[in-house]
Amino acid sequence: MTIPTIIILIIIAIILFLAFYVIGVYNRLVNARNKVKDQFAQIDVQLKRRGDMIPNLVETVKGYAKHEEKTFKEVVEARNKMASAGNINEELEASDDITKALNRLFALSESYPELKSNENFLALQNDLKETEDKLSYARGFYNDTVLNYNNLREKFPSNVVAKLFKFTKIDFFAASEKDKEVPQVKF
């Protein structure tokens, strides 16, 4: 082989190596971005489950507390706001509103001893607690997935490929400032 042939083969080998590297990094970035979307969808599933349980919970409590219309209205409005959320931030804000409204509903239930011992109410309350636990876990897993994606997107040399193909930063799930406040416990 002549020297020009060897140089051409080396150049071709380098180009092939770079092409396969770019393809590999691109595919890893796509996988990471899709995993972030999947994890947000898992949060969405739990939010939907919670939203589906709310009407049953409200109807159960209504049977015992007919005069507490304001609390029921707040719960239903929060659920409707969740259903009509147009983007991630609106959905997260609506989720916070639902949590607050449900807390008021459960506080209301303390005033009705018969309600507190009702099997349907207890089952719904347990299901909601389980859903809230799953939401908390899903949010944490979502943030871990976002961290992996953003790390891949920002580390050298994969950041070159990420910039080339316009992979954008994804924000973490963050609690609102109200959620960060220390709750006041009064007796």
Foldseek 3Di string as FASTA:
>chain_A
DDPVVVVVVVVVVVVVVVVVVLVVLVVVLVVLVVVLVVLVVQLVVLLVVLLVLLVVLLVLLCVQCVPPVVLNVQLVVLSVQCVPDDDDVSNLVSVVSNVVSVVVVVVVCVVPVVSVPDPSNVVSVVVNVVSVVSSVVSLVVSQVSLVVSVCSCPDPPSVVSCVVVVPDRDDHDDDDPVVVDDDDDDD
